[in-house]
Amino acid sequence: MKFSLFLIAVALAVLSSCDKVRNLMENLGDKAPAAAATPYAGEWVSEITGSGFDALRQQPGRVVLIDFYADWCGPCRRLGPVLQAIATEQQGLVLVGKVNVDKARDLASSSGVKGIPDVRIFRDGKQVDRFVGMPGEAEIRRRIAKQLEGLPPLPVEAADPATSKPAEPVTRPMSKDWLPPGMKRR
C-alpha cells in the first residue's frame, strides 16, 4: 500500500513538470467558461493570440491598442473597461486587442513585455506610443486622441433597409414537379 502511494506521488511530481499536463490541469481547474476569459470582449475588443497579433495591428486607417494583461492583475482589470469604453465611443476607429500574458507567453516575450498592463498603440501598422501601468483615464484618452488626429472617418454603411436591395438567393428552390432519378409519374 505504501509503495503504491509512493509511485503515485512520484508520477504526479514528474507529470507536473510537463507543460501539457500543467496546462490541462489549469484548464480543468478553471471554474469560468472559456468565453468569460476576456470579460471586456465586445464588438471592437477582442482576445488575440500570435496569429492574430500582426493582422490586428496592421489595420489601415484605425488606431489599434494592444493590451498585454493578466487575469490576476488588479491594474489590468481596472484598465480593461476604460479601453472598452474608448473603443465603443470611437465606433470602430479604435480597436483593442487583448493578449493574456499567461496564455500567450511566447508573444509577450517576443514583444518585450516586462510589466503589465503594457499597452501598445499602433497606427497603420507602426507603433506610435506605449504605456506601462495604469495612467489616469484622462491621460489615456489624450494619448489616443493624439493618434486619432488626421484619420479619415470610416465610411458609413447604408442602414436603411428600404433603400438597400435584398441579396439574390444563393440557391433556388426546386420545381414542384421534380422527381428523383429513375422514378416516373403515374
C-alpha atoms as a PDB file:
ATOM      1  CA  MET A   1       0.000   0.000   0.000  1.00  0.00           C
ATOM      2  CA  LYS A   2       2.782   2.414   0.902  1.00  0.00           C
ATOM      3  CA  PHE A   3       4.662   1.527  -2.259  1.00  0.00           C
ATOM      4  CA  SER A   4       1.653   2.321  -4.483  1.00  0.00           C
ATOM      5  CA  LEU A   5       1.178   5.691  -2.754  1.00  0.00           C
ATOM      6  CA  PHE A   6       4.869   6.380  -3.308  1.00  0.00           C
ATOM      7  CA  LEU A   7       4.520   5.565  -7.024  1.00  0.00           C
ATOM      8  CA  ILE A   8       1.511   7.855  -7.349  1.00  0.00           C
ATOM      9  CA  ALA A   9       3.387  10.699  -5.627  1.00  0.00           C
ATOM     10  CA  VAL A  10       6.410  10.228  -7.913  1.00  0.00           C
ATOM     11  CA  ALA A  11       4.185  10.100 -11.010  1.00  0.00           C
ATOM     12  CA  LEU A  12       2.435  13.337 -10.014  1.00  0.00           C
ATOM     13  CA  ALA A  13       5.759  15.054  -9.338  1.00  0.00           C
ATOM     14  CA  VAL A  14       7.146  14.009 -12.712  1.00  0.00           C
ATOM     15  CA  LEU A  15       3.987  14.805 -14.662  1.00  0.00           C
ATOM     16  CA  SER A  16       3.509  18.201 -13.021  1.00  0.00           C
ATOM     17  CA  SER A  17       6.722  19.372 -14.674  1.00  0.00           C
ATOM     18  CA  CYS A  18       5.318  18.576 -18.133  1.00  0.00           C
ATOM     19  CA  ASP A  19       3.819  21.693 -19.786  1.00  0.00           C
ATOM     20  CA  LYS A  20       0.996  19.780 -21.462  1.00  0.00           C
ATOM     21  CA  VAL A  21      -0.124  18.214 -18.192  1.00  0.00           C
ATOM     22  CA  ARG A  22       0.193  21.534 -16.356  1.00  0.00           C
ATOM     23  CA  ASN A  23      -1.918  23.306 -18.997  1.00  0.00           C
ATOM     24  CA  LEU A  24      -4.508  20.527 -18.845  1.00  0.00           C
ATOM     25  CA  MET A  25      -4.684  20.795 -15.062  1.00  0.00           C
ATOM     26  CA  GLU A  26      -5.023  24.592 -15.247  1.00  0.00           C
ATOM     27  CA  ASN A  27      -7.840  24.261 -17.780  1.00  0.00           C
ATOM     28  CA  LEU A  28      -9.612  21.673 -15.650  1.00  0.00           C
ATOM     29  CA  GLY A  29      -9.232  23.882 -12.607  1.00  0.00           C
ATOM     30  CA  ASP A  30     -10.842  26.889 -14.262  1.00  0.00           C
ATOM     31  CA  LYS A  31     -14.284  27.481 -12.835  1.00  0.00           C
ATOM     32  CA  ALA A  32     -15.313  30.018 -15.510  1.00  0.00           C
ATOM     33  CA  PRO A  33     -16.126  29.005 -19.071  1.00  0.00           C
ATOM     34  CA  ALA A  34     -13.630  29.873 -21.813  1.00  0.00           C
ATOM     35  CA  ALA A  35     -15.866  32.623 -23.199  1.00  0.00           C
ATOM     36  CA  ALA A  36     -15.607  34.523 -19.914  1.00  0.00           C
ATOM     37  CA  ALA A  37     -11.804  34.608 -20.098  1.00  0.00           C
ATOM     38  CA  THR A  38     -11.981  38.071 -21.660  1.00  0.00           C
ATOM     39  CA  PRO A  39     -14.601  39.863 -19.576  1.00  0.00           C
ATOM     40  CA  TYR A  40     -14.367  43.031 -21.661  1.00  0.00           C
ATOM     41  CA  ALA A  41     -14.767  41.469 -25.103  1.00  0.00           C
ATOM     42  CA  GLY A  42     -17.068  43.410 -27.353  1.00  0.00           C
ATOM     43  CA  GLU A  43     -17.500  44.427 -30.952  1.00  0.00           C
ATOM     44  CA  TRP A  44     -14.218  46.391 -31.054  1.00  0.00           C
ATOM     45  CA  VAL A  45     -12.394  44.474 -28.311  1.00  0.00           C
ATOM     46  CA  SER A  46     -11.040  41.003 -28.974  1.00  0.00           C
ATOM     47  CA  GLU A  47      -8.744  38.412 -27.426  1.00  0.00           C
ATOM     48  CA  ILE A  48      -5.791  37.789 -29.726  1.00  0.00           C
ATOM     49  CA  THR A  49      -3.061  35.202 -30.000  1.00  0.00           C
ATOM     50  CA  GLY A  50       0.146  35.048 -32.010  1.00  0.00           C
ATOM     51  CA  SER A  51      -1.542  34.647 -35.378  1.00  0.00           C
ATOM     52  CA  GLY A  52      -3.998  37.498 -34.839  1.00  0.00           C
ATOM     53  CA  PHE A  53      -1.426  39.928 -33.461  1.00  0.00           C
ATOM     54  CA  ASP A  54       0.075  41.007 -36.794  1.00  0.00           C
ATOM     55  CA  ALA A  55      -3.274  41.056 -38.588  1.00  0.00           C
ATOM     56  CA  LEU A  56      -4.873  43.312 -35.970  1.00  0.00           C
ATOM     57  CA  ARG A  57      -2.064  45.842 -35.672  1.00  0.00           C
ATOM     58  CA  GLN A  58      -1.879  46.255 -39.486  1.00  0.00           C
ATOM     59  CA  GLN A  59      -5.413  47.741 -39.716  1.00  0.00           C
ATOM     60  CA  PRO A  60      -5.213  50.764 -42.066  1.00  0.00           C
ATOM     61  CA  GLY A  61      -6.976  53.968 -41.086  1.00  0.00           C
ATOM     62  CA  ARG A  62      -7.505  52.895 -37.494  1.00  0.00           C
ATOM     63  CA  VAL A  63      -5.802  53.220 -34.142  1.00  0.00           C
ATOM     64  CA  VAL A  64      -5.107  49.794 -32.647  1.00  0.00           C
ATOM     65  CA  LEU A  65      -4.405  49.257 -28.954  1.00  0.00           C
ATOM     66  CA  ILE A  66      -2.720  46.016 -27.930  1.00  0.00           C
ATOM     67  CA  ASP A  67      -3.219  45.421 -24.206  1.00  0.00           C
ATOM     68  CA  PHE A  68      -0.915  42.847 -22.597  1.00  0.00           C
ATOM     69  CA  TYR A  69      -2.695  41.807 -19.394  1.00  0.00           C
ATOM     70  CA  ALA A  70      -3.265  39.003 -16.895  1.00  0.00           C
ATOM     71  CA  ASP A  71      -6.474  37.943 -15.158  1.00  0.00           C
ATOM     72  CA  TRP A  72      -4.865  38.201 -11.708  1.00  0.00           C
ATOM     73  CA  CYS A  73      -3.546  41.762 -12.263  1.00  0.00           C
ATOM     74  CA  GLY A  74      -5.562  44.465 -10.461  1.00  0.00           C
ATOM     75  CA  PRO A  75      -4.479  47.423 -12.645  1.00  0.00           C
ATOM     76  CA  CYS A  76      -5.198  45.308 -15.745  1.00  0.00           C
ATOM     77  CA  ARG A  77      -8.748  44.727 -14.544  1.00  0.00           C
ATOM     78  CA  ARG A  78      -9.235  48.465 -13.967  1.00  0.00           C
ATOM     79  CA  LEU A  79      -7.793  49.327 -17.393  1.00  0.00           C
ATOM     80  CA  GLY A  80      -9.982  46.886 -19.358  1.00  0.00           C
ATOM     81  CA  PRO A  81     -13.303  48.753 -19.002  1.00  0.00           C
ATOM     82  CA  VAL A  82     -11.609  52.077 -19.826  1.00  0.00           C
ATOM     83  CA  LEU A  83     -10.209  50.720 -23.093  1.00  0.00           C
ATOM     84  CA  GLN A  84     -13.539  49.115 -23.946  1.00  0.00           C
ATOM     85  CA  ALA A  85     -15.396  52.383 -23.333  1.00  0.00           C
ATOM     86  CA  ILE A  86     -12.992  54.302 -25.574  1.00  0.00           C
ATOM     87  CA  ALA A  87     -13.304  51.704 -28.353  1.00  0.00           C
ATOM     88  CA  THR A  88     -17.102  51.789 -28.115  1.00  0.00           C
ATOM     89  CA  GLU A  89     -17.197  55.600 -28.213  1.00  0.00           C
ATOM     90  CA  GLN A  90     -14.991  55.738 -31.310  1.00  0.00           C
ATOM     91  CA  GLN A  91     -17.270  53.336 -33.255  1.00  0.00           C
ATOM     92  CA  GLY A  92     -14.548  51.332 -34.978  1.00  0.00           C
ATOM     93  CA  LEU A  93     -11.812  53.957 -35.324  1.00  0.00           C
ATOM     94  CA  VAL A  94     -10.155  52.437 -32.252  1.00  0.00           C
ATOM     95  CA  LEU A  95      -9.716  48.669 -31.993  1.00  0.00           C
ATOM     96  CA  VAL A  96      -8.481  46.906 -28.864  1.00  0.00           C
ATOM     97  CA  GLY A  97      -6.676  43.580 -28.874  1.00  0.00           C
ATOM     98  CA  LYS A  98      -6.100  41.897 -25.533  1.00  0.00           C
ATOM     99  CA  VAL A  99      -3.197  39.478 -25.066  1.00  0.00           C
ATOM    100  CA  ASN A 100      -3.259  37.355 -21.909  1.00  0.00           C
ATOM    101  CA  VAL A 101       0.416  37.047 -20.961  1.00  0.00           C
ATOM    102  CA  ASP A 102      -0.242  33.798 -19.062  1.00  0.00           C
ATOM    103  CA  LYS A 103      -1.757  32.099 -22.119  1.00  0.00           C
ATOM    104  CA  ALA A 104       0.454  33.698 -24.802  1.00  0.00           C
ATOM    105  CA  ARG A 105       3.845  33.772 -23.100  1.00  0.00           C
ATOM    106  CA  ASP A 106       5.767  33.477 -26.362  1.00  0.00           C
ATOM    107  CA  LEU A 107       4.009  36.506 -27.856  1.00  0.00           C
ATOM    108  CA  ALA A 108       4.569  38.556 -24.709  1.00  0.00           C
ATOM    109  CA  SER A 109       8.266  37.703 -24.528  1.00  0.00           C
ATOM    110  CA  SER A 110       8.857  38.315 -28.246  1.00  0.00           C
ATOM    111  CA  SER A 111       7.162  41.714 -27.862  1.00  0.00           C
ATOM    112  CA  GLY A 112       9.438  42.620 -24.960  1.00  0.00           C
ATOM    113  CA  VAL A 113       6.771  42.851 -22.271  1.00  0.00           C
ATOM    114  CA  LYS A 114       8.438  43.361 -18.879  1.00  0.00           C
ATOM    115  CA  GLY A 115       5.496  44.573 -16.787  1.00  0.00           C
ATOM    116  CA  ILE A 116       1.723  44.621 -17.091  1.00  0.00           C
ATOM    117  CA  PRO A 117      -0.535  46.233 -18.062  1.00  0.00           C
ATOM    118  CA  ASP A 118       1.518  47.101 -21.133  1.00  0.00           C
ATOM    119  CA  VAL A 119      -0.456  48.911 -23.828  1.00  0.00           C
ATOM    120  CA  ARG A 120       0.995  49.486 -27.289  1.00  0.00           C
ATOM    121  CA  ILE A 121      -0.677  51.952 -29.637  1.00  0.00           C
ATOM    122  CA  PHE A 122      -0.385  51.279 -33.379  1.00  0.00           C
ATOM    123  CA  ARG A 123      -1.405  53.392 -36.347  1.00  0.00           C
ATOM    124  CA  ASP A 124      -1.157  51.985 -39.871  1.00  0.00           C
ATOM    125  CA  GLY A 125       0.913  49.057 -38.593  1.00  0.00           C
ATOM    126  CA  LYS A 126       3.552  51.159 -36.811  1.00  0.00           C
ATOM    127  CA  GLN A 127       3.883  51.519 -33.053  1.00  0.00           C
ATOM    128  CA  VAL A 128       3.389  55.199 -32.259  1.00  0.00           C
ATOM    129  CA  ASP A 129       3.001  55.157 -28.469  1.00  0.00           C
ATOM    130  CA  ARG A 130       3.199  52.872 -25.455  1.00  0.00           C
ATOM    131  CA  PHE A 131       2.485  52.973 -21.741  1.00  0.00           C
ATOM    132  CA  VAL A 132       3.091  50.545 -18.929  1.00  0.00           C
ATOM    133  CA  GLY A 133       0.952  50.620 -15.816  1.00  0.00           C
ATOM    134  CA  MET A 134      -2.329  52.358 -15.214  1.00  0.00           C
ATOM    135  CA  PRO A 135      -2.215  56.088 -16.007  1.00  0.00           C
ATOM    136  CA  GLY A 136      -5.345  58.120 -15.402  1.00  0.00           C
ATOM    137  CA  GLU A 137      -8.261  57.823 -17.791  1.00  0.00           C
ATOM    138  CA  ALA A 138      -7.752  61.414 -18.983  1.00  0.00           C
ATOM    139  CA  GLU A 139      -4.125  60.628 -19.909  1.00  0.00           C
ATOM    140  CA  ILE A 140      -5.174  57.506 -21.839  1.00  0.00           C
ATOM    141  CA  ARG A 141      -7.844  59.460 -23.717  1.00  0.00           C
ATOM    142  CA  ARG A 142      -5.334  62.234 -24.516  1.00  0.00           C
ATOM    143  CA  ARG A 143      -2.837  59.751 -25.983  1.00  0.00           C
ATOM    144  CA  ILE A 144      -5.481  58.091 -28.125  1.00  0.00           C
ATOM    145  CA  ALA A 145      -6.971  61.414 -29.286  1.00  0.00           C
ATOM    146  CA  LYS A 146      -3.494  62.499 -30.394  1.00  0.00           C
ATOM    147  CA  GLN A 147      -3.271  59.419 -32.652  1.00  0.00           C
ATOM    148  CA  LEU A 148      -6.808  59.916 -33.996  1.00  0.00           C
ATOM    149  CA  GLU A 149      -5.910  63.356 -35.392  1.00  0.00           C
ATOM    150  CA  GLY A 150      -5.862  63.319 -39.172  1.00  0.00           C
ATOM    151  CA  LEU A 151      -7.555  59.935 -39.565  1.00  0.00           C
ATOM    152  CA  PRO A 152     -10.391  59.972 -42.103  1.00  0.00           C
ATOM    153  CA  PRO A 153     -13.789  58.917 -40.752  1.00  0.00           C
ATOM    154  CA  LEU A 154     -14.901  55.385 -41.502  1.00  0.00           C
ATOM    155  CA  PRO A 155     -17.394  55.064 -44.373  1.00  0.00           C
ATOM    156  CA  VAL A 156     -20.978  54.822 -43.176  1.00  0.00           C
ATOM    157  CA  GLU A 157     -22.814  51.793 -44.495  1.00  0.00           C
ATOM    158  CA  ALA A 158     -26.395  52.112 -45.668  1.00  0.00           C
ATOM    159  CA  ALA A 159     -28.532  51.235 -42.692  1.00  0.00           C
ATOM    160  CA  ASP A 160     -31.917  51.950 -44.302  1.00  0.00           C
ATOM    161  CA  PRO A 161     -33.467  48.622 -45.400  1.00  0.00           C
ATOM    162  CA  ALA A 162     -35.923  50.422 -47.745  1.00  0.00           C
ATOM    163  CA  THR A 163     -33.090  51.783 -49.900  1.00  0.00           C
ATOM    164  CA  SER A 164     -30.938  48.691 -49.844  1.00  0.00           C
ATOM    165  CA  LYS A 165     -31.604  45.968 -52.407  1.00  0.00           C
ATOM    166  CA  PRO A 166     -32.112  42.464 -50.979  1.00  0.00           C
ATOM    167  CA  ALA A 167     -29.435  39.977 -51.898  1.00  0.00           C
ATOM    168  CA  GLU A 168     -30.191  37.374 -54.536  1.00  0.00           C
ATOM    169  CA  PRO A 169     -30.692  33.915 -53.079  1.00  0.00           C
ATOM    170  CA  VAL A 170     -27.692  31.648 -53.468  1.00  0.00           C
ATOM    171  CA  THR A 171     -29.863  28.601 -54.145  1.00  0.00           C
ATOM    172  CA  ARG A 172     -33.148  28.397 -55.946  1.00  0.00           C
ATOM    173  CA  PRO A 173     -35.997  26.167 -54.842  1.00  0.00           C
ATOM    174  CA  MET A 174     -36.700  23.036 -56.880  1.00  0.00           C
ATOM    175  CA  SER A 175     -39.749  22.989 -59.093  1.00  0.00           C
ATOM    176  CA  LYS A 176     -42.729  21.091 -57.692  1.00  0.00           C
ATOM    177  CA  ASP A 177     -42.782  18.509 -60.461  1.00  0.00           C
ATOM    178  CA  TRP A 178     -39.285  17.246 -59.670  1.00  0.00           C
ATOM    179  CA  LEU A 179     -38.807  13.501 -59.170  1.00  0.00           C
ATOM    180  CA  PRO A 180     -35.716  11.539 -58.142  1.00  0.00           C
ATOM    181  CA  PRO A 181     -33.811   9.783 -60.961  1.00  0.00           C
ATOM    182  CA  GLY A 182     -35.463   6.528 -62.074  1.00  0.00           C
ATOM    183  CA  MET A 183     -38.926   7.482 -60.819  1.00  0.00           C
ATOM    184  CA  LYS A 184     -41.898   8.097 -63.131  1.00  0.00           C
ATOM    185  CA  ARG A 185     -45.121   9.925 -62.538  1.00  0.00           C
ATOM    186  CA  ARG A 186     -48.271   7.753 -62.533  1.00  0.00           C
END
